[in-house]
């Protein structure tokens, strides 16, 4: 087999493997063991090429074991755990030439991948146990997926927007295209869905945890012609499931109408659970939209993307200061501490 001084320098670092069929995690050995599975040059090439082009998720983790579990969650078979920054880089695949036996395992190769990313300087690790919202991260970090712990014992991944002014911001909803269907049921909105790097709803359970202490909410929207609008609220809070994820929002400022506050005090509705004020119709079904419906809504950010029907489309009523529903191309909802 071919040798590699670069890999040999870290030969005592563990390669972790996970048998996908049984969902079990165990240590299978060192880099020498990896070389028995692949030749050294293949391992080196995978590490270089995949991290340069196919990183689909980058998450702050405390250990390579946790990196394994995250990679399993996204049904991927290769990741690189950066021991210097405590980042888990989940990669898109193992290798095109991998045979069936090899593909049945998940491999995490430890090492410093700084040279393979856009990062130019290594930052000290930040324990996600001390990160309640993205506000708590080093503001010089890049935008991306990070693990946070809003309350003790409850940790999950979020997308942190480190670029928008007055941030960092914790993104709770993002719609940029039609790839993800938002017309879903109660349980799906409860747990969240989509891709944190693209279109997603973070999850009502997560919103409730994040806003146990009221947060600042910022909504950024673009109309079909590209006009930018924003609405910011000094207090935003979502109750727990027992209270049907009731919305409380106030303290408006922005360059569009105050459409969101119209829904304050009302519970969340989905196609299979109606909590609006109507008795004979369901706003979630009428608008094809799961939302905090009152007499339906003036802000339909979870509507049907690119719909030509005014009832179903993603819209903001009063975008230009008039009571007219303006269809939107993009929407983003973000939180930060007061």
C-alpha atoms as a PDB file:
ATOM      1  CA  UNK A   1       0.000   0.000   0.000  1.00  0.00           C
ATOM      2  CA  UNK A   2       1.080   3.574  -0.601  1.00  0.00           C
ATOM      3  CA  UNK A   3       2.247   5.584   2.380  1.00  0.00           C
ATOM      4  CA  UNK A   4       1.587   9.183   3.346  1.00  0.00           C
ATOM      5  CA  UNK A   5       3.686  11.172   5.803  1.00  0.00           C
ATOM      6  CA  UNK A   6       0.826  13.582   6.355  1.00  0.00           C
ATOM      7  CA  UNK A   7      -1.535  10.793   7.394  1.00  0.00           C
ATOM      8  CA  UNK A   8       1.107   8.911   9.351  1.00  0.00           C
ATOM      9  CA  UNK A   9       1.641  12.004  11.501  1.00  0.00           C
ATOM     10  CA  UNK A  10      -1.842  11.445  12.953  1.00  0.00           C
ATOM     11  CA  UNK A  11      -1.789   7.627  12.940  1.00  0.00           C
ATOM     12  CA  UNK A  12      -2.913   7.359  16.555  1.00  0.00           C
ATOM     13  CA  UNK A  13      -6.084   9.299  15.951  1.00  0.00           C
ATOM     14  CA  UNK A  14      -9.189   7.149  15.859  1.00  0.00           C
ATOM     15  CA  UNK A  15     -11.197   6.318  12.782  1.00  0.00           C
ATOM     16  CA  UNK A  16     -14.787   5.813  13.797  1.00  0.00           C
ATOM     17  CA  UNK A  17     -17.200   3.551  11.990  1.00  0.00           C
ATOM     18  CA  UNK A  18     -20.919   3.094  12.245  1.00  0.00           C
ATOM     19  CA  UNK A  19     -22.895   0.167  10.886  1.00  0.00           C
ATOM     20  CA  UNK A  20     -25.866   1.897   9.284  1.00  0.00           C
ATOM     21  CA  UNK A  21     -28.186  -1.097   9.376  1.00  0.00           C
ATOM     22  CA  UNK A  22     -27.945  -1.497  13.170  1.00  0.00           C
ATOM     23  CA  UNK A  23     -27.330   2.178  14.016  1.00  0.00           C
ATOM     24  CA  UNK A  24     -24.415   1.198  16.283  1.00  0.00           C
ATOM     25  CA  UNK A  25     -21.259   3.224  16.787  1.00  0.00           C
ATOM     26  CA  UNK A  26     -17.892   1.631  17.553  1.00  0.00           C
ATOM     27  CA  UNK A  27     -14.189   2.330  17.175  1.00  0.00           C
ATOM     28  CA  UNK A  28     -12.632   0.198  14.457  1.00  0.00           C
ATOM     29  CA  UNK A  29      -9.074   1.416  14.770  1.00  0.00           C
ATOM     30  CA  UNK A  30      -6.517   4.001  13.705  1.00  0.00           C
ATOM     31  CA  UNK A  31      -5.545   5.324  10.295  1.00  0.00           C
ATOM     32  CA  UNK A  32      -3.696   2.057   9.734  1.00  0.00           C
ATOM     33  CA  UNK A  33      -7.065   0.312   9.956  1.00  0.00           C
ATOM     34  CA  UNK A  34      -8.470   2.770   7.423  1.00  0.00           C
ATOM     35  CA  UNK A  35      -5.648   1.881   5.064  1.00  0.00           C
ATOM     36  CA  UNK A  36      -6.792  -1.729   5.231  1.00  0.00           C
ATOM     37  CA  UNK A  37     -10.180  -0.581   3.973  1.00  0.00           C
ATOM     38  CA  UNK A  38      -8.813   1.851   1.387  1.00  0.00           C
ATOM     39  CA  UNK A  39      -5.301   2.469   0.213  1.00  0.00           C
ATOM     40  CA  UNK A  40      -3.726   5.562   1.759  1.00  0.00           C
ATOM     41  CA  UNK A  41      -3.867   7.595  -1.435  1.00  0.00           C
ATOM     42  CA  UNK A  42      -7.641   7.040  -1.666  1.00  0.00           C
ATOM     43  CA  UNK A  43      -8.134   8.229   1.914  1.00  0.00           C
ATOM     44  CA  UNK A  44      -6.048  11.315   1.198  1.00  0.00           C
ATOM     45  CA  UNK A  45      -7.919  12.083  -2.029  1.00  0.00           C
ATOM     46  CA  UNK A  46     -11.323  11.660  -0.377  1.00  0.00           C
ATOM     47  CA  UNK A  47     -10.299  14.016   2.413  1.00  0.00           C
ATOM     48  CA  UNK A  48      -9.040  16.646  -0.007  1.00  0.00           C
ATOM     49  CA  UNK A  49     -11.605  16.534  -2.810  1.00  0.00           C
ATOM     50  CA  UNK A  50     -14.722  15.978  -0.735  1.00  0.00           C
ATOM     51  CA  UNK A  51     -13.984  18.734   1.742  1.00  0.00           C
ATOM     52  CA  UNK A  52     -13.256  21.160  -1.065  1.00  0.00           C
ATOM     53  CA  UNK A  53     -16.414  20.553  -3.058  1.00  0.00           C
ATOM     54  CA  UNK A  54     -19.001  18.437  -1.310  1.00  0.00           C
ATOM     55  CA  UNK A  55     -19.409  19.636   2.251  1.00  0.00           C
ATOM     56  CA  UNK A  56     -23.179  19.666   2.718  1.00  0.00           C
ATOM     57  CA  UNK A  57     -23.235  20.552   6.403  1.00  0.00           C
ATOM     58  CA  UNK A  58     -20.850  22.083   8.925  1.00  0.00           C
ATOM     59  CA  UNK A  59     -21.797  21.769  12.579  1.00  0.00           C
ATOM     60  CA  UNK A  60     -20.109  22.633  15.872  1.00  0.00           C
ATOM     61  CA  UNK A  61     -19.613  19.460  17.920  1.00  0.00           C
ATOM     62  CA  UNK A  62     -17.759  18.485  21.063  1.00  0.00           C
ATOM     63  CA  UNK A  63     -16.306  15.210  19.837  1.00  0.00           C
ATOM     64  CA  UNK A  64     -15.835  12.930  16.853  1.00  0.00           C
ATOM     65  CA  UNK A  65     -18.431  10.587  18.380  1.00  0.00           C
ATOM     66  CA  UNK A  66     -21.046  13.328  18.081  1.00  0.00           C
ATOM     67  CA  UNK A  67     -19.866  13.976  14.529  1.00  0.00           C
ATOM     68  CA  UNK A  68     -20.670  10.349  13.736  1.00  0.00           C
ATOM     69  CA  UNK A  69     -24.194  10.699  15.099  1.00  0.00           C
ATOM     70  CA  UNK A  70     -24.847  13.887  13.108  1.00  0.00           C
ATOM     71  CA  UNK A  71     -23.552  12.278   9.918  1.00  0.00           C
ATOM     72  CA  UNK A  72     -25.832   9.296  10.504  1.00  0.00           C
ATOM     73  CA  UNK A  73     -28.807  11.633  10.928  1.00  0.00           C
ATOM     74  CA  UNK A  74     -28.273  12.985   7.408  1.00  0.00           C
ATOM     75  CA  UNK A  75     -27.712   9.506   5.939  1.00  0.00           C
ATOM     76  CA  UNK A  76     -24.237  10.317   4.710  1.00  0.00           C
ATOM     77  CA  UNK A  77     -21.241   8.004   4.781  1.00  0.00           C
ATOM     78  CA  UNK A  78     -18.236  10.282   5.237  1.00  0.00           C
ATOM     79  CA  UNK A  79     -17.344  13.223   7.453  1.00  0.00           C
ATOM     80  CA  UNK A  80     -14.234  15.029   8.621  1.00  0.00           C
ATOM     81  CA  UNK A  81     -13.982  16.098  12.248  1.00  0.00           C
ATOM     82  CA  UNK A  82     -11.795  19.184  12.618  1.00  0.00           C
ATOM     83  CA  UNK A  83     -10.215  18.792  16.042  1.00  0.00           C
ATOM     84  CA  UNK A  84      -8.892  22.352  16.071  1.00  0.00           C
ATOM     85  CA  UNK A  85     -12.200  24.148  15.553  1.00  0.00           C
ATOM     86  CA  UNK A  86     -14.515  21.320  16.729  1.00  0.00           C
ATOM     87  CA  UNK A  87     -16.360  21.457  13.410  1.00  0.00           C
ATOM     88  CA  UNK A  88     -17.977  18.364  11.869  1.00  0.00           C
ATOM     89  CA  UNK A  89     -17.886  18.590   8.065  1.00  0.00           C
ATOM     90  CA  UNK A  90     -20.527  16.178   6.730  1.00  0.00           C
ATOM     91  CA  UNK A  91     -19.631  15.183   3.178  1.00  0.00           C
ATOM     92  CA  UNK A  92     -21.870  14.158   0.343  1.00  0.00           C
ATOM     93  CA  UNK A  93     -20.646  10.604  -0.268  1.00  0.00           C
ATOM     94  CA  UNK A  94     -17.759   8.192   0.342  1.00  0.00           C
ATOM     95  CA  UNK A  95     -16.219   7.628  -3.083  1.00  0.00           C
ATOM     96  CA  UNK A  96     -17.615   6.623  -6.423  1.00  0.00           C
ATOM     97  CA  UNK A  97     -15.570   3.435  -6.492  1.00  0.00           C
ATOM     98  CA  UNK A  98     -16.660   2.280  -3.022  1.00  0.00           C
ATOM     99  CA  UNK A  99     -18.041  -1.254  -3.080  1.00  0.00           C
ATOM    100  CA  UNK A 100     -21.152  -2.481  -1.240  1.00  0.00           C
ATOM    101  CA  UNK A 101     -19.285  -3.725   1.823  1.00  0.00           C
ATOM    102  CA  UNK A 102     -17.529  -0.400   2.340  1.00  0.00           C
ATOM    103  CA  UNK A 103     -20.696   1.604   1.740  1.00  0.00           C
ATOM    104  CA  UNK A 104     -22.358  -0.144   4.679  1.00  0.00           C
ATOM    105  CA  UNK A 105     -20.163   1.815   7.080  1.00  0.00           C
ATOM    106  CA  UNK A 106     -19.877   5.443   8.007  1.00  0.00           C
ATOM    107  CA  UNK A 107     -16.345   6.817   8.301  1.00  0.00           C
ATOM    108  CA  UNK A 108     -15.214   9.891  10.186  1.00  0.00           C
ATOM    109  CA  UNK A 109     -11.634  10.883   9.483  1.00  0.00           C
ATOM    110  CA  UNK A 110     -10.190  13.109  12.228  1.00  0.00           C
ATOM    111  CA  UNK A 111      -7.872  15.932  11.337  1.00  0.00           C
ATOM    112  CA  UNK A 112      -7.496  19.656  10.758  1.00  0.00           C
ATOM    113  CA  UNK A 113      -9.332  20.681   7.596  1.00  0.00           C
ATOM    114  CA  UNK A 114      -8.521  24.375   7.786  1.00  0.00           C
ATOM    115  CA  UNK A 115      -6.551  24.156   4.544  1.00  0.00           C
ATOM    116  CA  UNK A 116      -9.571  22.736   2.730  1.00  0.00           C
ATOM    117  CA  UNK A 117     -12.004  25.488   3.705  1.00  0.00           C
ATOM    118  CA  UNK A 118     -12.340  29.214   3.314  1.00  0.00           C
ATOM    119  CA  UNK A 119     -11.227  29.769   6.892  1.00  0.00           C
ATOM    120  CA  UNK A 120      -7.829  31.463   7.060  1.00  0.00           C
ATOM    121  CA  UNK A 121      -7.320  31.387  10.807  1.00  0.00           C
ATOM    122  CA  UNK A 122      -8.326  28.787  13.359  1.00  0.00           C
ATOM    123  CA  UNK A 123     -10.636  29.932  16.143  1.00  0.00           C
ATOM    124  CA  UNK A 124     -10.745  28.464  19.624  1.00  0.00           C
ATOM    125  CA  UNK A 125     -13.555  25.906  20.095  1.00  0.00           C
ATOM    126  CA  UNK A 126     -16.846  27.251  21.398  1.00  0.00           C
ATOM    127  CA  UNK A 127     -18.850  24.750  23.418  1.00  0.00           C
ATOM    128  CA  UNK A 128     -22.409  24.672  22.129  1.00  0.00           C
ATOM    129  CA  UNK A 129     -23.496  24.113  25.728  1.00  0.00           C
ATOM    130  CA  UNK A 130     -22.727  27.808  26.293  1.00  0.00           C
ATOM    131  CA  UNK A 131     -24.480  29.002  23.113  1.00  0.00           C
ATOM    132  CA  UNK A 132     -28.156  29.845  23.711  1.00  0.00           C
ATOM    133  CA  UNK A 133     -28.673  31.721  20.453  1.00  0.00           C
ATOM    134  CA  UNK A 134     -26.363  32.620  17.600  1.00  0.00           C
ATOM    135  CA  UNK A 135     -25.742  35.918  19.427  1.00  0.00           C
ATOM    136  CA  UNK A 136     -23.398  33.988  21.719  1.00  0.00           C
ATOM    137  CA  UNK A 137     -21.034  32.974  18.912  1.00  0.00           C
ATOM    138  CA  UNK A 138     -17.887  34.831  17.987  1.00  0.00           C
ATOM    139  CA  UNK A 139     -19.253  37.506  15.599  1.00  0.00           C
ATOM    140  CA  UNK A 140     -16.291  36.943  13.262  1.00  0.00           C
ATOM    141  CA  UNK A 141     -17.504  33.393  12.545  1.00  0.00           C
ATOM    142  CA  UNK A 142     -18.909  32.673   9.112  1.00  0.00           C
ATOM    143  CA  UNK A 143     -22.607  32.059   8.486  1.00  0.00           C
ATOM    144  CA  UNK A 144     -23.502  28.393   8.725  1.00  0.00           C
ATOM    145  CA  UNK A 145     -25.015  25.617  10.812  1.00  0.00           C
ATOM    146  CA  UNK A 146     -24.114  25.559  14.499  1.00  0.00           C
ATOM    147  CA  UNK A 147     -25.366  23.530  17.444  1.00  0.00           C
ATOM    148  CA  UNK A 148     -26.881  25.569  20.272  1.00  0.00           C
ATOM    149  CA  UNK A 149     -28.379  24.870  23.703  1.00  0.00           C
ATOM    150  CA  UNK A 150     -31.207  27.365  24.398  1.00  0.00           C
ATOM    151  CA  UNK A 151     -32.022  25.715  27.727  1.00  0.00           C
ATOM    152  CA  UNK A 152     -30.101  23.039  29.645  1.00  0.00           C
ATOM    153  CA  UNK A 153     -30.657  19.591  28.198  1.00  0.00           C
ATOM    154  CA  UNK A 154     -32.075  20.791  24.855  1.00  0.00           C
ATOM    155  CA  UNK A 155     -29.529  21.120  22.059  1.00  0.00           C
ATOM    156  CA  UNK A 156     -30.188  21.289  18.320  1.00  0.00           C
ATOM    157  CA  UNK A 157     -28.771  22.663  15.083  1.00  0.00           C
ATOM    158  CA  UNK A 158     -29.668  26.080  13.682  1.00  0.00           C
ATOM    159  CA  UNK A 159     -28.473  28.244  10.826  1.00  0.00           C
ATOM    160  CA  UNK A 160     -26.665  31.329  12.125  1.00  0.00           C
ATOM    161  CA  UNK A 161     -26.741  34.396   9.881  1.00  0.00           C
ATOM    162  CA  UNK A 162     -23.520  36.206  10.746  1.00  0.00           C
ATOM    163  CA  UNK A 163     -23.783  38.686   7.857  1.00  0.00           C
ATOM    164  CA  UNK A 164     -27.077  40.567   8.293  1.00  0.00           C
ATOM    165  CA  UNK A 165     -26.679  43.805  10.233  1.00  0.00           C
ATOM    166  CA  UNK A 166     -27.303  43.994  13.996  1.00  0.00           C
ATOM    167  CA  UNK A 167     -26.739  40.226  14.257  1.00  0.00           C
ATOM    168  CA  UNK A 168     -25.764  37.494  14.607  1.00  0.00           C
ATOM    169  CA  UNK A 169     -29.245  36.119  13.927  1.00  0.00           C
ATOM    170  CA  UNK A 170     -30.768  32.667  14.510  1.00  0.00           C
ATOM    171  CA  UNK A 171     -32.804  31.781  11.403  1.00  0.00           C
ATOM    172  CA  UNK A 172     -36.131  30.060  12.085  1.00  0.00           C
ATOM    173  CA  UNK A 173     -37.676  30.108   8.602  1.00  0.00           C
ATOM    174  CA  UNK A 174     -36.180  30.481   5.145  1.00  0.00           C
ATOM    175  CA  UNK A 175     -37.793  30.293   1.704  1.00  0.00           C
ATOM    176  CA  UNK A 176     -35.748  31.010  -1.381  1.00  0.00           C
ATOM    177  CA  UNK A 177     -37.228  28.557  -3.891  1.00  0.00           C
ATOM    178  CA  UNK A 178     -39.947  25.914  -4.346  1.00  0.00           C
ATOM    179  CA  UNK A 179     -37.820  22.830  -3.570  1.00  0.00           C
ATOM    180  CA  UNK A 180     -39.409  22.271  -0.146  1.00  0.00           C
ATOM    181  CA  UNK A 181     -43.163  21.844   0.256  1.00  0.00           C
ATOM    182  CA  UNK A 182     -44.473  23.890   3.213  1.00  0.00           C
ATOM    183  CA  UNK A 183     -48.052  22.559   3.134  1.00  0.00           C
ATOM    184  CA  UNK A 184     -47.525  20.004   5.914  1.00  0.00           C
ATOM    185  CA  UNK A 185     -49.222  18.595   8.978  1.00  0.00           C
ATOM    186  CA  UNK A 186     -49.025  19.432  12.684  1.00  0.00           C
ATOM    187  CA  UNK A 187     -46.305  16.958  13.584  1.00  0.00           C
ATOM    188  CA  UNK A 188     -44.048  18.116  10.757  1.00  0.00           C
ATOM    189  CA  UNK A 189     -44.334  21.749  11.821  1.00  0.00           C
ATOM    190  CA  UNK A 190     -43.803  20.672  15.403  1.00  0.00           C
ATOM    191  CA  UNK A 191     -40.447  19.016  14.709  1.00  0.00           C
ATOM    192  CA  UNK A 192     -39.355  21.096  11.703  1.00  0.00           C
ATOM    193  CA  UNK A 193     -38.446  20.171   8.143  1.00  0.00           C
ATOM    194  CA  UNK A 194     -36.297  21.142   5.188  1.00  0.00           C
ATOM    195  CA  UNK A 195     -32.592  21.850   4.813  1.00  0.00           C
ATOM    196  CA  UNK A 196     -30.931  24.331   7.174  1.00  0.00           C
ATOM    197  CA  UNK A 197     -28.707  25.415   4.287  1.00  0.00           C
ATOM    198  CA  UNK A 198     -31.749  26.129   2.116  1.00  0.00           C
ATOM    199  CA  UNK A 199     -35.523  26.159   2.591  1.00  0.00           C
ATOM    200  CA  UNK A 200     -36.762  25.129   6.030  1.00  0.00           C
ATOM    201  CA  UNK A 201     -39.029  25.592   9.041  1.00  0.00           C
ATOM    202  CA  UNK A 202     -36.998  25.150  12.221  1.00  0.00           C
ATOM    203  CA  UNK A 203     -39.863  23.593  14.199  1.00  0.00           C
ATOM    204  CA  UNK A 204     -42.481  24.870  16.634  1.00  0.00           C
ATOM    205  CA  UNK A 205     -40.978  22.939  19.538  1.00  0.00           C
ATOM    206  CA  UNK A 206     -37.693  24.698  18.851  1.00  0.00           C
ATOM    207  CA  UNK A 207     -39.389  28.100  18.526  1.00  0.00           C
ATOM    208  CA  UNK A 208     -41.037  27.610  21.898  1.00  0.00           C
ATOM    209  CA  UNK A 209     -37.712  26.738  23.532  1.00  0.00           C
ATOM    210  CA  UNK A 210     -35.837  29.586  21.820  1.00  0.00           C
ATOM    211  CA  UNK A 211     -38.382  32.162  22.934  1.00  0.00           C
ATOM    212  CA  UNK A 212     -38.959  31.123  26.543  1.00  0.00           C
ATOM    213  CA  UNK A 213     -37.497  34.578  27.040  1.00  0.00           C
ATOM    214  CA  UNK A 214     -38.990  36.909  24.382  1.00  0.00           C
ATOM    215  CA  UNK A 215     -36.670  37.614  21.457  1.00  0.00           C
ATOM    216  CA  UNK A 216     -36.326  40.219  18.748  1.00  0.00           C
ATOM    217  CA  UNK A 217     -37.864  38.992  15.476  1.00  0.00           C
ATOM    218  CA  UNK A 218     -36.684  40.258  12.098  1.00  0.00           C
ATOM    219  CA  UNK A 219     -38.509  39.293   8.895  1.00  0.00           C
ATOM    220  CA  UNK A 220     -36.785  39.971   5.577  1.00  0.00           C
ATOM    221  CA  UNK A 221     -38.766  39.638   2.361  1.00  0.00           C
ATOM    222  CA  UNK A 222     -38.357  40.327  -1.352  1.00  0.00           C
ATOM    223  CA  UNK A 223     -41.217  40.897  -3.773  1.00  0.00           C
ATOM    224  CA  UNK A 224     -41.253  39.282  -7.205  1.00  0.00           C
ATOM    225  CA  UNK A 225     -39.606  42.356  -8.735  1.00  0.00           C
ATOM    226  CA  UNK A 226     -36.789  42.232  -6.177  1.00  0.00           C
ATOM    227  CA  UNK A 227     -37.947  45.028  -3.869  1.00  0.00           C
ATOM    228  CA  UNK A 228     -36.598  44.488  -0.370  1.00  0.00           C
ATOM    229  CA  UNK A 229     -38.750  44.845   2.721  1.00  0.00           C
ATOM    230  CA  UNK A 230     -38.327  44.123   6.386  1.00  0.00           C
ATOM    231  CA  UNK A 231     -40.388  44.068   9.558  1.00  0.00           C
ATOM    232  CA  UNK A 232     -38.777  43.931  12.984  1.00  0.00           C
ATOM    233  CA  UNK A 233     -40.490  43.264  16.307  1.00  0.00           C
ATOM    234  CA  UNK A 234     -38.915  43.991  19.671  1.00  0.00           C
ATOM    235  CA  UNK A 235     -40.779  41.108  21.333  1.00  0.00           C
ATOM    236  CA  UNK A 236     -41.545  37.728  19.816  1.00  0.00           C
ATOM    237  CA  UNK A 237     -42.600  34.636  21.731  1.00  0.00           C
ATOM    238  CA  UNK A 238     -44.192  31.275  20.912  1.00  0.00           C
ATOM    239  CA  UNK A 239     -45.850  29.224  23.670  1.00  0.00           C
ATOM    240  CA  UNK A 240     -45.577  25.445  24.027  1.00  0.00           C
ATOM    241  CA  UNK A 241     -47.654  22.736  22.376  1.00  0.00           C
ATOM    242  CA  UNK A 242     -50.105  22.574  25.285  1.00  0.00           C
ATOM    243  CA  UNK A 243     -51.093  26.134  24.351  1.00  0.00           C
ATOM    244  CA  UNK A 244     -50.993  25.260  20.616  1.00  0.00           C
ATOM    245  CA  UNK A 245     -47.828  27.326  20.016  1.00  0.00           C
ATOM    246  CA  UNK A 246     -49.649  30.606  20.549  1.00  0.00           C
ATOM    247  CA  UNK A 247     -47.960  33.682  19.049  1.00  0.00           C
ATOM    248  CA  UNK A 248     -47.102  36.883  20.923  1.00  0.00           C
ATOM    249  CA  UNK A 249     -45.475  39.624  18.863  1.00  0.00           C
ATOM    250  CA  UNK A 250     -45.272  43.419  19.346  1.00  0.00           C
ATOM    251  CA  UNK A 251     -42.971  46.408  18.995  1.00  0.00           C
ATOM    252  CA  UNK A 252     -43.037  46.896  15.214  1.00  0.00           C
ATOM    253  CA  UNK A 253     -40.565  48.837  13.078  1.00  0.00           C
ATOM    254  CA  UNK A 254     -39.723  48.455   9.400  1.00  0.00           C
ATOM    255  CA  UNK A 255     -40.338  49.639   5.853  1.00  0.00           C
ATOM    256  CA  UNK A 256     -43.437  47.511   5.186  1.00  0.00           C
ATOM    257  CA  UNK A 257     -46.811  47.256   6.945  1.00  0.00           C
ATOM    258  CA  UNK A 258     -47.253  45.810  10.429  1.00  0.00           C
ATOM    259  CA  UNK A 259     -48.922  42.673   9.044  1.00  0.00           C
ATOM    260  CA  UNK A 260     -47.515  40.199  11.560  1.00  0.00           C
ATOM    261  CA  UNK A 261     -48.902  41.761  14.745  1.00  0.00           C
ATOM    262  CA  UNK A 262     -52.435  41.209  13.420  1.00  0.00           C
ATOM    263  CA  UNK A 263     -51.945  37.513  14.309  1.00  0.00           C
ATOM    264  CA  UNK A 264     -50.620  38.103  17.825  1.00  0.00           C
ATOM    265  CA  UNK A 265     -52.443  36.139  20.497  1.00  0.00           C
ATOM    266  CA  UNK A 266     -53.564  33.382  18.136  1.00  0.00           C
ATOM    267  CA  UNK A 267     -52.629  29.716  18.021  1.00  0.00           C
ATOM    268  CA  UNK A 268     -50.840  27.850  15.260  1.00  0.00           C
ATOM    269  CA  UNK A 269     -52.965  26.055  12.665  1.00  0.00           C
ATOM    270  CA  UNK A 270     -52.159  23.322  10.155  1.00  0.00           C
ATOM    271  CA  UNK A 271     -54.222  21.438   7.606  1.00  0.00           C
ATOM    272  CA  UNK A 272     -54.984  18.745  10.199  1.00  0.00           C
ATOM    273  CA  UNK A 273     -55.484  21.034  13.201  1.00  0.00           C
ATOM    274  CA  UNK A 274     -57.480  24.262  12.871  1.00  0.00           C
ATOM    275  CA  UNK A 275     -57.123  26.859  15.643  1.00  0.00           C
ATOM    276  CA  UNK A 276     -58.408  29.972  13.867  1.00  0.00           C
ATOM    277  CA  UNK A 277     -61.572  31.827  14.923  1.00  0.00           C
ATOM    278  CA  UNK A 278     -63.787  30.425  12.168  1.00  0.00           C
ATOM    279  CA  UNK A 279     -66.156  27.549  12.889  1.00  0.00           C
ATOM    280  CA  UNK A 280     -67.043  26.400   9.376  1.00  0.00           C
ATOM    281  CA  UNK A 281     -63.765  26.822   7.498  1.00  0.00           C
ATOM    282  CA  UNK A 282     -60.104  26.199   8.168  1.00  0.00           C
ATOM    283  CA  UNK A 283     -57.740  29.021   7.209  1.00  0.00           C
ATOM    284  CA  UNK A 284     -54.849  26.572   6.940  1.00  0.00           C
ATOM    285  CA  UNK A 285     -56.773  24.720   4.234  1.00  0.00           C
ATOM    286  CA  UNK A 286     -58.237  27.810   2.581  1.00  0.00           C
ATOM    287  CA  UNK A 287     -54.789  29.470   2.331  1.00  0.00           C
ATOM    288  CA  UNK A 288     -52.803  26.233   1.909  1.00  0.00           C
ATOM    289  CA  UNK A 289     -50.731  27.615   4.734  1.00  0.00           C
ATOM    290  CA  UNK A 290     -49.792  26.554   8.262  1.00  0.00           C
ATOM    291  CA  UNK A 291     -49.562  29.714  10.349  1.00  0.00           C
ATOM    292  CA  UNK A 292     -50.878  31.634  13.357  1.00  0.00           C
ATOM    293  CA  UNK A 293     -54.212  32.229  11.670  1.00  0.00           C
ATOM    294  CA  UNK A 294     -56.812  34.611  13.079  1.00  0.00           C
ATOM    295  CA  UNK A 295     -59.374  35.409  10.390  1.00  0.00           C
ATOM    296  CA  UNK A 296     -56.710  33.859   8.209  1.00  0.00           C
ATOM    297  CA  UNK A 297     -53.706  36.189   7.857  1.00  0.00           C
ATOM    298  CA  UNK A 298     -52.203  39.363   6.447  1.00  0.00           C
ATOM    299  CA  UNK A 299     -48.774  37.747   6.248  1.00  0.00           C
ATOM    300  CA  UNK A 300     -48.748  34.350   4.523  1.00  0.00           C
ATOM    301  CA  UNK A 301     -45.063  33.413   4.642  1.00  0.00           C
ATOM    302  CA  UNK A 302     -45.769  29.667   4.605  1.00  0.00           C
ATOM    303  CA  UNK A 303     -48.134  29.792   1.621  1.00  0.00           C
ATOM    304  CA  UNK A 304     -47.808  28.006  -1.700  1.00  0.00           C
ATOM    305  CA  UNK A 305     -44.609  29.126  -3.423  1.00  0.00           C
ATOM    306  CA  UNK A 306     -45.029  30.702  -6.872  1.00  0.00           C
ATOM    307  CA  UNK A 307     -48.788  30.231  -6.836  1.00  0.00           C
ATOM    308  CA  UNK A 308     -50.793  32.444  -9.186  1.00  0.00           C
ATOM    309  CA  UNK A 309     -53.792  32.307  -6.840  1.00  0.00           C
ATOM    310  CA  UNK A 310     -53.914  35.227  -4.390  1.00  0.00           C
ATOM    311  CA  UNK A 311     -55.429  33.034  -1.671  1.00  0.00           C
ATOM    312  CA  UNK A 312     -52.620  30.494  -1.718  1.00  0.00           C
ATOM    313  CA  UNK A 313     -49.505  32.477  -2.602  1.00  0.00           C
ATOM    314  CA  UNK A 314     -46.703  33.616  -0.303  1.00  0.00           C
ATOM    315  CA  UNK A 315     -47.621  37.241   0.380  1.00  0.00           C
ATOM    316  CA  UNK A 316     -47.329  40.280   2.650  1.00  0.00           C
ATOM    317  CA  UNK A 317     -50.386  42.505   2.775  1.00  0.00           C
ATOM    318  CA  UNK A 318     -49.434  46.174   2.712  1.00  0.00           C
ATOM    319  CA  UNK A 319     -45.924  45.623   1.368  1.00  0.00           C
ATOM    320  CA  UNK A 320     -46.091  49.019  -0.352  1.00  0.00           C
ATOM    321  CA  UNK A 321     -48.170  50.660   2.384  1.00  0.00           C
ATOM    322  CA  UNK A 322     -51.528  49.780   0.830  1.00  0.00           C
ATOM    323  CA  UNK A 323     -53.879  46.961   1.808  1.00  0.00           C
ATOM    324  CA  UNK A 324     -52.890  44.898  -1.193  1.00  0.00           C
ATOM    325  CA  UNK A 325     -51.390  41.413  -1.030  1.00  0.00           C
ATOM    326  CA  UNK A 326     -47.977  41.457  -2.687  1.00  0.00           C
ATOM    327  CA  UNK A 327     -46.505  38.113  -3.736  1.00  0.00           C
ATOM    328  CA  UNK A 328     -43.059  37.368  -2.362  1.00  0.00           C
ATOM    329  CA  UNK A 329     -40.022  35.713  -3.898  1.00  0.00           C
ATOM    330  CA  UNK A 330     -38.065  35.152  -0.688  1.00  0.00           C
ATOM    331  CA  UNK A 331     -38.758  35.198   3.055  1.00  0.00           C
ATOM    332  CA  UNK A 332     -36.515  34.831   6.079  1.00  0.00           C
ATOM    333  CA  UNK A 333     -37.454  34.938   9.770  1.00  0.00           C
ATOM    334  CA  UNK A 334     -34.670  35.442  12.316  1.00  0.00           C
ATOM    335  CA  UNK A 335     -34.273  35.856  16.082  1.00  0.00           C
ATOM    336  CA  UNK A 336     -31.805  37.472  18.439  1.00  0.00           C
ATOM    337  CA  UNK A 337     -31.674  38.451  22.097  1.00  0.00           C
ATOM    338  CA  UNK A 338     -33.316  41.781  23.033  1.00  0.00           C
END
